[in-house]
C-alpha atoms as a PDB file:
ATOM      1  CA  MET A   1      47.671 -14.192  21.875  1.00  0.00           C
ATOM      2  CA  ASN A   2      48.856 -10.892  23.347  1.00  0.00           C
ATOM      3  CA  LEU A   3      49.115  -9.476  19.823  1.00  0.00           C
ATOM      4  CA  LEU A   4      45.412 -10.145  19.218  1.00  0.00           C
ATOM      5  CA  ILE A   5      44.501  -8.446  22.468  1.00  0.00           C
ATOM      6  CA  TYR A   6      46.559  -5.379  21.551  1.00  0.00           C
ATOM      7  CA  LEU A   7      45.103  -5.266  18.033  1.00  0.00           C
ATOM      8  CA  GLY A   8      41.579  -5.557  19.428  1.00  0.00           C
ATOM      9  CA  GLY A   9      42.246  -2.798  21.947  1.00  0.00           C
ATOM     10  CA  GLY A  10      43.711  -0.598  19.206  1.00  0.00           C
ATOM     11  CA  ALA A  11      40.720  -1.206  16.957  1.00  0.00           C
ATOM     12  CA  GLY A  12      38.346  -0.347  19.804  1.00  0.00           C
ATOM     13  CA  ALA A  13      40.297   2.841  20.528  1.00  0.00           C
ATOM     14  CA  LEU A  14      40.115   3.853  16.856  1.00  0.00           C
ATOM     15  CA  LEU A  15      36.371   3.246  16.837  1.00  0.00           C
ATOM     16  CA  ALA A  16      35.964   5.351  19.970  1.00  0.00           C
ATOM     17  CA  LEU A  17      38.035   8.187  18.451  1.00  0.00           C
ATOM     18  CA  GLY A  18      35.961   8.001  15.283  1.00  0.00           C
ATOM     19  CA  ALA A  19      32.743   8.259  17.268  1.00  0.00           C
ATOM     20  CA  LEU A  20      34.101  11.261  19.191  1.00  0.00           C
ATOM     21  CA  ALA A  21      35.224  12.935  15.959  1.00  0.00           C
ATOM     22  CA  ARG A  22      31.789  12.342  14.416  1.00  0.00           C
ATOM     23  CA  GLY A  23      30.078  13.869  17.441  1.00  0.00           C
ATOM     24  CA  ALA A  24      32.419  16.858  17.391  1.00  0.00           C
ATOM     25  CA  TRP A  25      31.729  17.329  13.660  1.00  0.00           C
ATOM     26  CA  ARG A  26      27.965  17.311  14.235  1.00  0.00           C
ATOM     27  CA  ILE A  27      28.258  19.839  17.057  1.00  0.00           C
ATOM     28  CA  ASN A  28      30.454  22.053  14.885  1.00  0.00           C
ATOM     29  CA  ARG A  29      27.933  21.974  12.017  1.00  0.00           C
ATOM     30  CA  ARG A  30      25.123  22.910  14.397  1.00  0.00           C
ATOM     31  CA  ILE A  31      27.143  25.820  15.809  1.00  0.00           C
ATOM     32  CA  VAL A  32      27.894  27.067  12.287  1.00  0.00           C
ATOM     33  CA  GLY A  33      24.174  26.934  11.432  1.00  0.00           C
ATOM     34  CA  ILE A  34      23.227  28.846  14.575  1.00  0.00           C
ATOM     35  CA  ALA A  35      25.909  31.470  13.886  1.00  0.00           C
ATOM     36  CA  ALA A  36      24.558  31.975  10.367  1.00  0.00           C
ATOM     37  CA  ALA A  37      21.007  32.419  11.690  1.00  0.00           C
ATOM     38  CA  VAL A  38      22.159  34.919  14.324  1.00  0.00           C
ATOM     39  CA  ALA A  39      24.068  36.870  11.662  1.00  0.00           C
ATOM     40  CA  GLU A  40      20.806  37.276   9.692  1.00  0.00           C
ATOM     41  CA  LEU A  41      19.009  38.690  12.733  1.00  0.00           C
ATOM     42  CA  VAL A  42      21.628  41.321  13.610  1.00  0.00           C
ATOM     43  CA  PRO A  43      21.544  44.669  11.765  1.00  0.00           C
ATOM     44  CA  ASN A  44      24.570  45.005   9.505  1.00  0.00           C
ATOM     45  CA  GLY A  45      23.826  48.041   7.405  1.00  0.00           C
ATOM     46  CA  GLY A  46      21.477  46.660   4.796  1.00  0.00           C
ATOM     47  CA  GLY A  47      21.779  42.956   4.084  1.00  0.00           C
ATOM     48  CA  SER A  48      20.162  41.245   7.042  1.00  0.00           C
ATOM     49  CA  ILE A  49      16.525  40.456   7.783  1.00  0.00           C
ATOM     50  CA  LYS A  50      16.678  42.941  10.649  1.00  0.00           C
ATOM     51  CA  ASP A  51      17.519  45.696   8.138  1.00  0.00           C
ATOM     52  CA  THR A  52      15.003  44.583   5.520  1.00  0.00           C
ATOM     53  CA  VAL A  53      11.930  44.585   7.778  1.00  0.00           C
ATOM     54  CA  PRO A  54      11.936  48.360   8.524  1.00  0.00           C
ATOM     55  CA  ARG A  55      12.459  49.163   4.825  1.00  0.00           C
ATOM     56  CA  THR A  56       9.565  46.912   3.862  1.00  0.00           C
ATOM     57  CA  GLU A  57       7.376  48.414   6.578  1.00  0.00           C
ATOM     58  CA  GLN A  58       8.172  51.926   5.314  1.00  0.00           C
ATOM     59  CA  LYS A  59       7.300  50.943   1.743  1.00  0.00           C
ATOM     60  CA  VAL A  60       3.978  49.490   2.894  1.00  0.00           C
ATOM     61  CA  ASP A  61       3.186  52.662   4.840  1.00  0.00           C
ATOM     62  CA  ASP A  62       4.058  54.841   1.818  1.00  0.00           C
ATOM     63  CA  THR A  63       1.922  52.712  -0.485  1.00  0.00           C
ATOM     64  CA  ALA A  64      -1.016  52.856   1.956  1.00  0.00           C
ATOM     65  CA  GLN A  65      -0.734  56.660   2.097  1.00  0.00           C
ATOM     66  CA  GLU A  66      -0.694  56.882  -1.721  1.00  0.00           C
ATOM     67  CA  LEU A  67      -3.735  54.613  -1.863  1.00  0.00           C
ATOM     68  CA  ARG A  68      -5.589  56.863   0.604  1.00  0.00           C
ATOM     69  CA  VAL A  69      -4.828  59.926  -1.520  1.00  0.00           C
ATOM     70  CA  LEU A  70      -5.958  58.197  -4.702  1.00  0.00           C
ATOM     71  CA  THR A  71      -9.130  56.953  -3.005  1.00  0.00           C
ATOM     72  CA  GLU A  72      -9.958  60.479  -1.835  1.00  0.00           C
ATOM     73  CA  ARG A  73      -9.369  61.862  -5.339  1.00  0.00           C
ATOM     74  CA  PHE A  74     -11.540  59.162  -6.875  1.00  0.00           C
ATOM     75  CA  ASP A  75     -14.335  59.728  -4.369  1.00  0.00           C
ATOM     76  CA  ALA A  76     -14.179  63.472  -5.046  1.00  0.00           C
ATOM     77  CA  HIS A  77     -14.327  62.823  -8.790  1.00  0.00           C
ATOM     78  CA  VAL A  78     -17.327  60.503  -8.425  1.00  0.00           C
ATOM     79  CA  ALA A  79     -19.104  63.002  -6.170  1.00  0.00           C
ATOM     80  CA  ASP A  80     -18.387  65.825  -8.605  1.00  0.00           C
ATOM     81  CA  SER A  81     -19.650  63.744 -11.538  1.00  0.00           C
ATOM     82  CA  ALA A  82     -22.840  62.866  -9.654  1.00  0.00           C
ATOM     83  CA  GLN A  83     -23.635  66.554  -9.006  1.00  0.00           C
ATOM     84  CA  ARG A  84     -23.368  67.555 -12.668  1.00  0.00           C
ATOM     85  CA  PRO A  85     -26.583  67.307 -14.686  1.00  0.00           C
END
């Protein structure tokens, strides 16, 4: 009878250790995911989101400036064409 009690206690202890290990594994996976997200938001010289946003913003500003110049040239061309007989 004592053997059954010890085996039951051992089985319960193994189940408890398994549950703790599972919880620790889940916490570890969450920490790894958070660390990866933080790494994307920190400037690292070119590969992160934090580095990409200013480059994209600069390209948009350059393209908008080129569009303004082209629009002015087109408007001048249309105005010049309208003045000719």
